[in-house]
Amino acid sequence: MIRGLLAAAAIAPIVAEPPVAAPLPVHVGGRVVTEDDGSLSFGWPGTYIEGRFHGTAIRVRADAPTDFLGLLIDGRAVTTLRKPGSADVTIDGLANNDHVVRLEKRTESQTGGTRFFGFYPAQNSVVLPPPPVRRRQIEFIGDSYTVGYGNTSVTTACDNNEVHDRTDTQQAFGPLVARYFQADYRINAYSGFGIVRNYNGSSPDSSMPALYDRLKPDDVIHRDGPRGDWQPQIIVINLGTNDFSTPVHAGERWPDRPTLAAAYRERYVGFARQIAARQPQARMILMASPMFLDEVEQVAAMVKNRGIPNVTVLSFSELALSACDFHPSLDDERQLAVSLQQAIARLAIWPGLKHMPFGGETSPDQKLLTKMPRMWWFQY
């Protein structure tokens, strides 16, 4: 049973009685800002928070004026909080066992985001230690393709509200791959942004590399600190669509595509080196469509020549692109996931470990292997 107090974003928040019990200790997937009161603010897509308890009920408190949040118990969806504003929800009627509760961000919020106040034991439930850090970790850096922009839509025509509501990062290729490998994951992605140029020349003073180290996309103060227990074995970067998908316009800093391509290569190499310096153990997989494959191949070769050998290029095509604004559909997401799963398996960095779903979810259907997008594989 779900019992709760929800305040719509346009309505003044409902003030609930503060919980008496201490909150569950949590495991966080993604970047967060720890506020003075101990709450966690987050804005990057795909962020998730997990806790464990023994008992029959759990209380969840958060404030999410614009986000859609999935609430799961033991890996199974219980409800989706759709722009709930102040949310105070109790899930009860559970079996009197150990449980894992998970709150996950599904939509993109380039400003604002969600504030998580805690999971609280209810009806005599007992706090348990948090889920352990998973031994496999993958980071995804990208643009709208990585976000899962409008991916649940069955039409390409979407207004801004429909794009927001039809985006589900948890069904994008990155989380699908992470679940397949039972890995923790981070999604650092921002729709419309590229390496040096954003879609159609917009926001010329910013870029994805400029945003990358922020704990929230719109927060210029809080930056990513010591890497701690976040040491991914794989970092997947998919950036270039926004740099090259529209022609260079008069007044932009590059007079033509060759000049733009040179600037793209130079900045991408610097960005890859920055990431490698922070996470030297990681293998980098650089994804590319044929639109900018040549540039990414050159980037990979240049990165290797500068002393970073663990770089692979993965190119894809033949996607339906039938979701919002001609973005990948859910079928496309699954096909991209299978391609990336194969690429990771070829790296053989997790030998002897089974590829199993967690949380009661199933791996992408292996029948997709017969209809996967055309893929080129380059090992540098």
Protein backbone atom coordinates (compact mmCIF):
# COMPACT_ATOMS: atom_id res chain seq x y z
CA MET A 1 0.00 0.00 0.00
CA ILE A 2 1.16 3.52 -0.75
CA ARG A 3 0.19 6.28 1.62
CA GLY A 4 1.53 9.77 1.20
CA LEU A 5 1.40 13.50 1.25
CA LEU A 6 2.22 15.18 -2.05
CA ALA A 7 2.41 18.83 -2.94
CA ALA A 8 2.20 19.87 -6.60
CA ALA A 9 5.07 22.03 -7.79
CA ALA A 10 2.83 25.07 -8.17
CA ILE A 11 1.40 24.76 -4.67
CA ALA A 12 3.12 25.78 -1.44
CA PRO A 13 4.86 22.72 0.02
CA ILE A 14 2.90 20.72 2.56
CA VAL A 15 4.77 20.58 5.86
CA ALA A 16 4.69 17.09 7.32
CA GLU A 17 5.63 16.11 10.85
CA PRO A 18 9.38 15.44 10.89
CA PRO A 19 10.31 11.76 11.15
CA VAL A 20 11.24 10.59 14.65
CA ALA A 21 13.53 7.73 13.66
CA ALA A 22 16.96 8.29 12.15
CA PRO A 23 17.07 7.83 8.37
CA LEU A 24 18.58 4.80 6.71
CA PRO A 25 22.22 5.08 5.70
CA VAL A 26 22.27 5.13 1.91
CA HIS A 27 24.26 4.14 -1.12
CA VAL A 28 24.30 6.86 -3.79
CA GLY A 29 24.75 6.32 -7.51
CA GLY A 30 25.67 9.62 -9.14
CA ARG A 31 26.80 13.02 -7.95
CA VAL A 32 25.03 14.83 -5.14
CA VAL A 33 25.47 17.96 -3.05
CA THR A 34 25.23 17.29 0.69
CA GLU A 35 23.29 20.19 2.20
CA ASP A 36 23.79 21.60 5.70
CA ASP A 37 20.83 19.62 7.06
CA GLY A 38 22.19 16.35 5.64
CA SER A 39 19.76 16.22 2.74
CA LEU A 40 21.09 15.40 -0.73
CA SER A 41 20.48 17.61 -3.78
CA PHE A 42 21.03 16.22 -7.25
CA GLY A 43 20.46 17.20 -10.85
CA TRP A 44 22.41 14.89 -13.18
CA PRO A 45 20.23 12.35 -15.02
CA GLY A 46 19.93 8.82 -13.73
CA THR A 47 20.99 9.52 -10.14
CA TYR A 48 19.75 6.90 -7.67
CA ILE A 49 19.75 6.39 -3.90
CA GLU A 50 19.37 3.03 -2.15
CA GLY A 51 18.88 1.90 1.44
CA ARG A 52 18.13 -1.32 3.32
CA PHE A 53 15.72 -2.11 6.14
CA HIS A 54 14.00 -5.05 7.83
CA GLY A 55 10.27 -4.81 8.31
CA THR A 56 6.99 -4.10 6.61
CA ALA A 57 7.07 -0.35 5.87
CA ILE A 58 9.33 2.50 4.75
CA ARG A 59 8.82 6.26 4.59
CA VAL A 60 10.35 8.37 1.81
CA ARG A 61 10.75 12.16 1.91
CA ALA A 62 11.92 14.29 -1.03
CA ASP A 63 11.23 17.54 -2.82
CA ALA A 64 11.04 17.34 -6.60
CA PRO A 65 9.21 20.25 -8.25
CA THR A 66 9.93 19.17 -11.83
CA ASP A 67 11.40 15.65 -11.81
CA PHE A 68 9.85 12.24 -12.27
CA LEU A 69 11.21 9.85 -9.64
CA GLY A 70 10.85 6.09 -9.61
CA LEU A 71 10.36 4.41 -6.24
CA LEU A 72 11.32 0.72 -6.11
CA ILE A 73 11.25 -1.96 -3.44
CA ASP A 74 13.54 -4.94 -4.03
CA GLY A 75 14.04 -3.90 -7.63
CA ARG A 76 10.36 -3.71 -8.49
CA ALA A 77 8.61 -0.45 -9.29
CA VAL A 78 6.11 0.62 -6.64
CA THR A 79 5.17 4.04 -7.98
CA THR A 80 6.42 6.99 -10.00
CA LEU A 81 6.39 10.41 -8.36
CA ARG A 82 5.61 12.82 -11.20
CA LYS A 83 6.65 16.38 -10.33
CA PRO A 84 5.41 15.78 -6.79
CA GLY A 85 6.84 18.91 -5.17
CA SER A 86 7.14 18.05 -1.48
CA ALA A 87 6.64 14.31 -1.18
CA ASP A 88 6.20 12.31 2.01
CA VAL A 89 5.27 8.76 1.06
CA THR A 90 4.98 5.60 3.13
CA ILE A 91 5.07 2.17 1.53
CA ASP A 92 3.59 -0.46 3.82
CA GLY A 93 2.08 -3.93 3.67
CA LEU A 94 5.44 -5.47 2.78
CA ALA A 95 6.53 -8.93 3.87
CA ASN A 96 8.37 -8.81 7.20
CA ASN A 97 11.77 -9.37 5.60
CA ASP A 98 14.93 -7.52 4.59
CA HIS A 99 14.24 -5.04 1.78
CA VAL A 100 16.07 -2.63 -0.50
CA VAL A 101 14.38 0.70 -1.22
CA ARG A 102 15.52 2.77 -4.18
CA LEU A 103 14.64 6.24 -5.42
CA GLU A 104 15.82 6.99 -8.96
CA LYS A 105 15.73 10.06 -11.15
CA ARG A 106 14.12 9.42 -14.54
CA THR A 107 13.83 12.83 -16.16
CA GLU A 108 16.35 15.52 -17.08
CA SER A 109 16.55 18.76 -15.10
CA GLN A 110 19.15 21.15 -16.45
CA THR A 111 18.23 23.52 -13.62
CA GLY A 112 16.82 22.79 -10.20
CA GLY A 113 16.57 19.06 -9.62
CA THR A 114 15.59 17.04 -6.57
CA ARG A 115 16.33 17.25 -2.85
CA PHE A 116 16.26 13.96 -0.96
CA PHE A 117 15.59 14.10 2.77
CA GLY A 118 15.76 10.41 3.56
CA PHE A 119 14.34 6.93 3.84
CA TYR A 120 12.85 6.41 7.33
CA PRO A 121 11.86 3.11 8.96
CA ALA A 122 8.12 3.00 9.61
CA GLN A 123 5.84 0.74 11.63
CA ASN A 124 8.69 -0.71 13.70
CA SER A 125 10.94 -1.46 10.72
CA VAL A 126 14.63 -1.72 11.55
CA VAL A 127 17.55 0.07 9.92
CA LEU A 128 20.07 -2.13 8.07
CA PRO A 129 23.48 -1.20 6.62
CA PRO A 130 23.30 0.29 3.12
CA PRO A 131 23.80 -1.81 0.01
CA PRO A 132 27.51 -2.24 -0.61
CA VAL A 133 29.31 -0.45 -3.41
CA ARG A 134 29.12 -2.72 -6.43
CA ARG A 135 32.44 -4.09 -7.56
CA ARG A 136 31.80 -3.05 -11.16
CA GLN A 137 31.41 0.63 -12.00
CA ILE A 138 30.69 2.41 -15.30
CA GLU A 139 30.51 6.13 -16.01
CA PHE A 140 28.64 7.60 -18.98
CA ILE A 141 29.39 11.07 -20.32
CA GLY A 142 27.31 12.45 -23.14
CA ASP A 143 24.46 14.47 -24.56
CA SER A 144 20.78 13.81 -25.18
CA TYR A 145 21.50 10.31 -26.50
CA THR A 146 22.97 9.41 -23.12
CA VAL A 147 20.17 11.20 -21.25
CA GLY A 148 17.49 9.17 -23.03
CA TYR A 149 15.86 12.33 -24.37
CA GLY A 150 12.17 11.66 -25.06
CA ASN A 151 12.93 7.97 -25.50
CA THR A 152 9.52 6.64 -24.43
CA SER A 153 7.71 8.70 -27.07
CA VAL A 154 6.03 6.93 -29.97
CA THR A 155 6.17 10.07 -32.11
CA THR A 156 8.95 12.42 -33.16
CA ALA A 157 6.79 15.54 -32.68
CA CYS A 158 7.06 16.65 -29.04
CA ASP A 159 6.80 19.97 -27.29
CA ASN A 160 9.10 20.81 -24.38
CA ASN A 161 6.76 19.39 -21.76
CA GLU A 162 6.35 16.17 -23.71
CA VAL A 163 10.11 15.82 -24.11
CA HIS A 164 10.50 16.14 -20.35
CA ASP A 165 7.72 13.73 -19.46
CA ARG A 166 8.72 11.13 -22.07
CA THR A 167 12.38 11.04 -21.03
CA ASP A 168 13.37 8.03 -18.93
CA THR A 169 17.10 7.89 -18.32
CA GLN A 170 16.71 4.60 -16.50
CA GLN A 171 15.66 3.05 -19.83
CA ALA A 172 18.53 4.65 -21.75
CA PHE A 173 21.40 2.49 -23.00
CA GLY A 174 23.73 3.39 -20.11
CA PRO A 175 21.63 2.08 -17.22
CA LEU A 176 20.61 -0.93 -19.35
CA VAL A 177 24.28 -1.84 -19.77
CA ALA A 178 25.02 -1.21 -16.09
CA ARG A 179 22.15 -3.44 -14.98
CA TYR A 180 23.30 -6.17 -17.35
CA PHE A 181 26.74 -6.15 -15.72
CA GLN A 182 25.40 -5.55 -12.18
CA ALA A 183 27.40 -2.33 -12.08
CA ASP A 184 27.01 0.95 -10.30
CA TYR A 185 26.79 3.83 -12.74
CA ARG A 186 26.96 7.58 -13.12
CA ILE A 187 25.31 9.56 -15.89
CA ASN A 188 26.92 12.94 -16.58
CA ALA A 189 25.02 14.08 -19.64
CA TYR A 190 23.36 17.27 -20.84
CA SER A 191 21.02 17.51 -23.80
CA GLY A 192 22.11 19.85 -26.57
CA PHE A 193 25.74 20.17 -25.49
CA GLY A 194 28.90 19.04 -27.24
CA ILE A 195 32.67 19.11 -26.92
CA VAL A 196 33.18 22.66 -28.24
CA ARG A 197 29.88 23.49 -29.97
CA ASN A 198 26.34 23.05 -28.76
CA TYR A 199 23.30 22.30 -30.88
CA ASN A 200 22.90 24.84 -33.69
CA GLY A 201 25.52 27.09 -32.11
CA SER A 202 23.55 27.74 -28.91
CA SER A 203 25.12 28.69 -25.55
CA PRO A 204 28.49 29.48 -27.14
CA ASP A 205 30.22 30.14 -23.82
CA SER A 206 29.61 26.66 -22.41
CA SER A 207 30.12 22.99 -23.32
CA MET A 208 29.92 19.55 -21.80
CA PRO A 209 33.59 19.57 -20.71
CA ALA A 210 32.92 22.88 -18.93
CA LEU A 211 30.02 21.33 -16.99
CA TYR A 212 31.61 17.97 -16.34
CA ASP A 213 33.08 18.42 -12.87
CA ARG A 214 29.99 20.07 -11.36
CA LEU A 215 28.06 18.14 -8.74
CA LYS A 216 24.88 19.56 -10.31
CA PRO A 217 24.67 20.86 -13.87
CA ASP A 218 23.51 24.34 -12.79
CA ASP A 219 25.73 24.66 -9.69
CA VAL A 220 28.99 26.50 -10.36
CA ILE A 221 30.10 26.34 -6.71
CA HIS A 222 30.10 22.65 -5.80
CA ARG A 223 32.62 20.60 -7.78
CA ASP A 224 33.53 16.94 -7.79
CA GLY A 225 36.12 16.25 -5.10
CA PRO A 226 38.39 13.29 -4.33
CA ARG A 227 37.29 10.22 -6.24
CA GLY A 228 36.85 8.12 -3.08
CA ASP A 229 35.17 4.80 -3.85
CA TRP A 230 34.14 5.96 -7.33
CA GLN A 231 36.81 4.34 -9.51
CA PRO A 232 35.04 3.09 -12.64
CA GLN A 233 36.67 0.41 -14.72
CA ILE A 234 34.93 1.79 -17.83
CA ILE A 235 34.08 5.33 -18.92
CA VAL A 236 31.86 5.69 -21.99
CA ILE A 237 31.83 9.03 -23.82
CA ASN A 238 29.35 9.87 -26.57
CA LEU A 239 29.85 13.50 -27.63
CA GLY A 240 29.88 15.02 -31.11
CA THR A 241 26.33 14.93 -32.40
CA ASN A 242 25.66 18.50 -31.27
CA ASP A 243 29.02 19.72 -32.53
CA PHE A 244 28.39 18.54 -36.08
CA SER A 245 24.64 17.98 -36.66
CA THR A 246 23.97 21.52 -37.88
CA PRO A 247 26.01 23.71 -40.24
CA VAL A 248 28.31 26.36 -38.81
CA HIS A 249 26.60 29.76 -38.92
CA ALA A 250 28.01 33.17 -39.70
CA GLY A 251 29.33 34.78 -36.53
CA GLU A 252 30.38 31.55 -34.83
CA ARG A 253 34.00 31.21 -33.80
CA TRP A 254 34.74 28.64 -36.53
CA PRO A 255 34.46 29.77 -40.15
CA ASP A 256 33.82 26.26 -41.49
CA ARG A 257 33.53 22.60 -40.57
CA PRO A 258 37.26 21.76 -40.94
CA THR A 259 38.13 24.48 -38.46
CA LEU A 260 35.40 23.26 -36.11
CA ALA A 261 36.65 19.69 -36.47
CA ALA A 262 40.20 20.71 -35.55
CA ALA A 263 38.96 22.53 -32.45
CA TYR A 264 36.78 19.52 -31.56
CA ARG A 265 39.71 17.13 -31.79
CA GLU A 266 41.98 19.34 -29.71
CA ARG A 267 39.44 19.86 -26.94
CA TYR A 268 38.34 16.23 -26.93
CA VAL A 269 41.93 15.07 -26.50
CA GLY A 270 42.38 17.45 -23.60
CA PHE A 271 39.10 16.31 -22.04
CA ALA A 272 40.05 12.64 -22.37
CA ARG A 273 43.43 13.32 -20.79
CA GLN A 274 41.74 15.17 -17.92
CA ILE A 275 39.48 12.18 -17.29
CA ALA A 276 42.35 9.70 -17.58
CA ALA A 277 44.43 11.68 -15.08
CA ARG A 278 41.61 11.44 -12.57
CA GLN A 279 40.67 7.82 -13.31
CA PRO A 280 43.86 6.18 -14.69
CA GLN A 281 42.48 2.67 -14.16
CA ALA A 282 39.54 3.19 -16.52
CA ARG A 283 39.14 1.94 -20.06
CA MET A 284 37.59 4.62 -22.25
CA ILE A 285 35.05 3.75 -24.93
CA LEU A 286 34.40 6.63 -27.33
CA MET A 287 31.09 6.24 -29.14
CA ALA A 288 30.43 7.85 -32.51
CA SER A 289 27.96 7.86 -35.35
CA PRO A 290 29.23 8.06 -38.93
CA MET A 291 28.61 11.81 -38.75
CA PHE A 292 31.75 12.29 -36.65
CA LEU A 293 33.44 8.89 -36.65
CA ASP A 294 36.53 10.14 -38.47
CA GLU A 295 37.08 12.81 -35.84
CA VAL A 296 36.70 10.35 -32.96
CA GLU A 297 39.11 7.88 -34.57
CA GLN A 298 41.68 10.65 -34.77
CA VAL A 299 41.02 11.65 -31.17
CA ALA A 300 41.58 8.07 -30.00
CA ALA A 301 44.87 7.83 -31.90
CA MET A 302 46.05 11.18 -30.52
CA VAL A 303 45.16 10.19 -26.97
CA LYS A 304 47.14 6.98 -27.33
CA ASN A 305 50.11 8.87 -28.72
CA ARG A 306 50.06 10.98 -25.57
CA GLY A 307 50.49 8.01 -23.31
CA ILE A 308 46.93 6.80 -22.65
CA PRO A 309 46.64 3.36 -24.25
CA ASN A 310 43.24 2.18 -22.98
CA VAL A 311 40.99 3.79 -25.58
CA THR A 312 38.45 2.07 -27.81
CA VAL A 313 36.12 3.50 -30.48
CA LEU A 314 32.61 2.13 -30.93
CA SER A 315 30.55 3.39 -33.86
CA PHE A 316 26.88 2.75 -34.46
CA SER A 317 24.24 3.49 -37.08
CA GLU A 318 20.91 2.25 -38.44
CA LEU A 319 18.87 3.43 -35.48
CA ALA A 320 15.18 4.16 -36.02
CA LEU A 321 15.37 7.53 -34.22
CA SER A 322 11.60 7.55 -33.86
CA ALA A 323 11.32 9.18 -30.42
CA CYS A 324 11.08 12.91 -29.65
CA ASP A 325 12.87 15.15 -32.16
CA PHE A 326 14.31 12.10 -33.95
CA HIS A 327 16.11 10.70 -30.93
CA PRO A 328 16.64 7.03 -30.05
CA SER A 329 13.52 5.06 -29.19
CA LEU A 330 13.35 2.37 -26.53
CA ASP A 331 14.15 -0.22 -29.20
CA ASP A 332 17.17 1.87 -30.20
CA GLU A 333 18.25 2.08 -26.56
CA ARG A 334 18.21 -1.70 -26.29
CA GLN A 335 20.16 -2.09 -29.52
CA LEU A 336 22.78 0.40 -28.36
CA ALA A 337 22.97 -1.43 -25.04
CA VAL A 338 23.66 -4.76 -26.75
CA SER A 339 26.37 -3.15 -28.90
CA LEU A 340 28.03 -1.69 -25.84
CA GLN A 341 27.69 -4.92 -23.87
CA GLN A 342 29.56 -6.72 -26.64
CA ALA A 343 32.23 -4.02 -26.70
CA ILE A 344 32.76 -4.30 -22.95
CA ALA A 345 32.85 -8.10 -23.11
CA ARG A 346 35.64 -7.89 -25.69
CA LEU A 347 37.75 -5.87 -23.29
CA ALA A 348 37.80 -8.89 -20.94
CA ILE A 349 38.26 -6.71 -17.86
CA TRP A 350 35.70 -8.64 -15.82
CA PRO A 351 36.69 -12.26 -16.54
CA GLY A 352 34.90 -15.00 -14.69
CA LEU A 353 32.05 -12.78 -13.51
CA LYS A 354 28.56 -13.63 -14.62
CA HIS A 355 26.51 -11.05 -16.45
CA MET A 356 23.32 -11.06 -14.42
CA PRO A 357 20.56 -8.56 -13.87
CA PHE A 358 19.96 -7.21 -10.38
CA GLY A 359 16.83 -6.03 -8.67
CA GLY A 360 14.56 -8.53 -10.36
CA GLU A 361 15.08 -7.02 -13.80
CA THR A 362 15.97 -8.95 -16.92
CA SER A 363 18.92 -8.39 -19.20
CA PRO A 364 18.29 -6.96 -22.68
CA ASP A 365 16.84 -9.72 -24.83
CA GLN A 366 19.66 -11.56 -26.54
CA LYS A 367 17.46 -11.88 -29.62
CA LEU A 368 18.39 -8.26 -30.19
CA LEU A 369 21.80 -9.51 -31.26
CA THR A 370 20.24 -10.45 -34.57
CA LYS A 371 18.94 -6.94 -35.22
CA MET A 372 21.60 -4.80 -33.57
CA PRO A 373 22.79 -1.67 -35.37
CA ARG A 374 25.74 -1.92 -37.67
CA MET A 375 28.82 -1.61 -35.50
CA TRP A 376 32.45 -0.90 -36.24
CA TRP A 377 35.04 -1.87 -33.66
CA PHE A 378 38.42 -0.19 -33.36
CA GLN A 379 41.06 -1.14 -30.78
CA TYR A 380 43.86 1.41 -30.39
